[in-house]
Amino acid sequence: MIISGLLNLIYTVLSALLVFELPNMPDSIMTILTQITGYFQTGIQIIASFIGSTAMGVIALLFQLVIFLNAAYFLWSFVFWVIRKIPMLNVRE
């Protein structure tokens, strides 16, 4: 569901930004994405049955923390990359 939503968002943004019309996504791709999403949900349910719902909540929180920290590091690196490109600031590594 998240993957198909992200693909639809990317498709919508690209079709709005580009001058020419993008072709429609084939139904086979959407079917494959639906199956992959189902596999992920089944796997998460199997793991949850072994370790419990409380541990799954903690694992989900830790995954969110890891993703947030990676995004923050990427943003920090990007900002400093842009700042290093401005010569009058004289920022070096």
Protein backbone atom coordinates (compact mmCIF):
# COMPACT_ATOMS: atom_id res chain seq x y z
CA MET A 1 0.00 0.00 0.00
CA ILE A 2 2.79 2.42 0.88
CA ILE A 3 4.85 1.36 -2.13
CA SER A 4 1.96 1.77 -4.56
CA GLY A 5 1.10 5.11 -2.95
CA LEU A 6 4.67 6.34 -3.39
CA LEU A 7 4.71 5.18 -7.02
CA ASN A 8 1.42 6.97 -7.67
CA LEU A 9 2.81 10.13 -6.03
CA ILE A 10 5.97 10.00 -8.16
CA TYR A 11 3.88 9.37 -11.27
CA THR A 12 1.61 12.32 -10.47
CA VAL A 13 4.53 14.68 -9.81
CA LEU A 14 6.31 13.63 -12.99
CA SER A 15 3.19 13.98 -15.11
CA ALA A 16 2.61 17.46 -13.67
CA LEU A 17 6.21 18.60 -14.22
CA LEU A 18 6.82 17.16 -17.66
CA VAL A 19 5.39 18.64 -20.83
CA PHE A 20 4.63 15.31 -22.52
CA GLU A 21 2.11 12.74 -21.30
CA LEU A 22 3.44 9.74 -19.39
CA PRO A 23 2.02 6.32 -20.31
CA ASN A 24 -0.23 4.56 -17.83
CA MET A 25 1.33 1.97 -15.55
CA PRO A 26 0.46 -1.56 -16.66
CA ASP A 27 -1.82 -3.66 -14.48
CA SER A 28 0.88 -6.32 -14.18
CA ILE A 29 3.14 -3.92 -12.28
CA MET A 30 0.32 -2.98 -9.92
CA THR A 31 -0.46 -6.68 -9.38
CA ILE A 32 3.18 -7.43 -8.56
CA LEU A 33 3.31 -4.50 -6.12
CA THR A 34 0.13 -5.73 -4.44
CA GLN A 35 1.63 -9.22 -4.06
CA ILE A 36 4.88 -7.82 -2.63
CA THR A 37 2.90 -5.74 -0.13
CA GLY A 38 0.94 -8.84 0.86
CA TYR A 39 4.18 -10.79 1.37
CA PHE A 40 5.53 -8.05 3.63
CA GLN A 41 2.33 -8.00 5.69
CA THR A 42 2.40 -11.80 6.04
CA GLY A 43 6.05 -11.72 7.11
CA ILE A 44 5.38 -9.05 9.70
CA GLN A 45 2.45 -11.05 11.07
CA ILE A 46 4.64 -14.17 11.36
CA ILE A 47 7.37 -12.24 13.19
CA ALA A 48 4.74 -10.62 15.45
CA SER A 49 3.36 -14.02 16.38
CA PHE A 50 6.81 -15.14 17.56
CA ILE A 51 7.93 -12.05 19.48
CA GLY A 52 4.68 -10.37 20.54
CA SER A 53 2.96 -7.09 19.83
CA THR A 54 4.93 -5.04 22.39
CA ALA A 55 8.26 -6.01 20.85
CA MET A 56 6.86 -5.29 17.38
CA GLY A 57 5.95 -1.79 18.55
CA VAL A 58 9.48 -1.26 19.82
CA ILE A 59 10.98 -2.63 16.58
CA ALA A 60 8.73 -0.33 14.51
CA LEU A 61 9.81 2.64 16.64
CA LEU A 62 13.48 1.73 16.20
CA PHE A 63 13.05 1.41 12.42
CA GLN A 64 11.44 4.85 12.35
CA LEU A 65 14.32 6.23 14.40
CA VAL A 66 16.90 4.73 12.05
CA ILE A 67 15.11 6.11 9.00
CA PHE A 68 14.80 9.55 10.63
CA LEU A 69 18.48 9.63 11.58
CA ASN A 70 19.54 8.60 8.08
CA ALA A 71 17.33 11.31 6.59
CA ALA A 72 18.77 13.87 9.02
CA TYR A 73 22.33 12.82 8.12
CA PHE A 74 21.54 13.09 4.40
CA LEU A 75 20.02 16.54 4.91
CA TRP A 76 23.03 17.64 7.00
CA SER A 77 25.44 16.37 4.33
CA PHE A 78 23.48 18.06 1.56
CA VAL A 79 23.35 21.40 3.38
CA PHE A 80 27.09 21.35 4.01
CA TRP A 81 27.74 20.30 0.41
CA VAL A 82 25.79 23.37 -0.75
CA ILE A 83 27.57 25.62 1.78
CA ARG A 84 30.98 24.35 0.62
CA LYS A 85 30.08 25.39 -2.94
CA ILE A 86 29.81 29.04 -1.87
CA PRO A 87 33.36 30.37 -2.16
CA MET A 88 33.03 33.49 0.02
CA LEU A 89 32.06 31.39 3.09
CA ASN A 90 35.41 29.57 2.92
CA VAL A 91 34.06 26.34 4.46
CA ARG A 92 36.34 23.31 4.06
CA GLU A 93 35.97 19.68 5.07
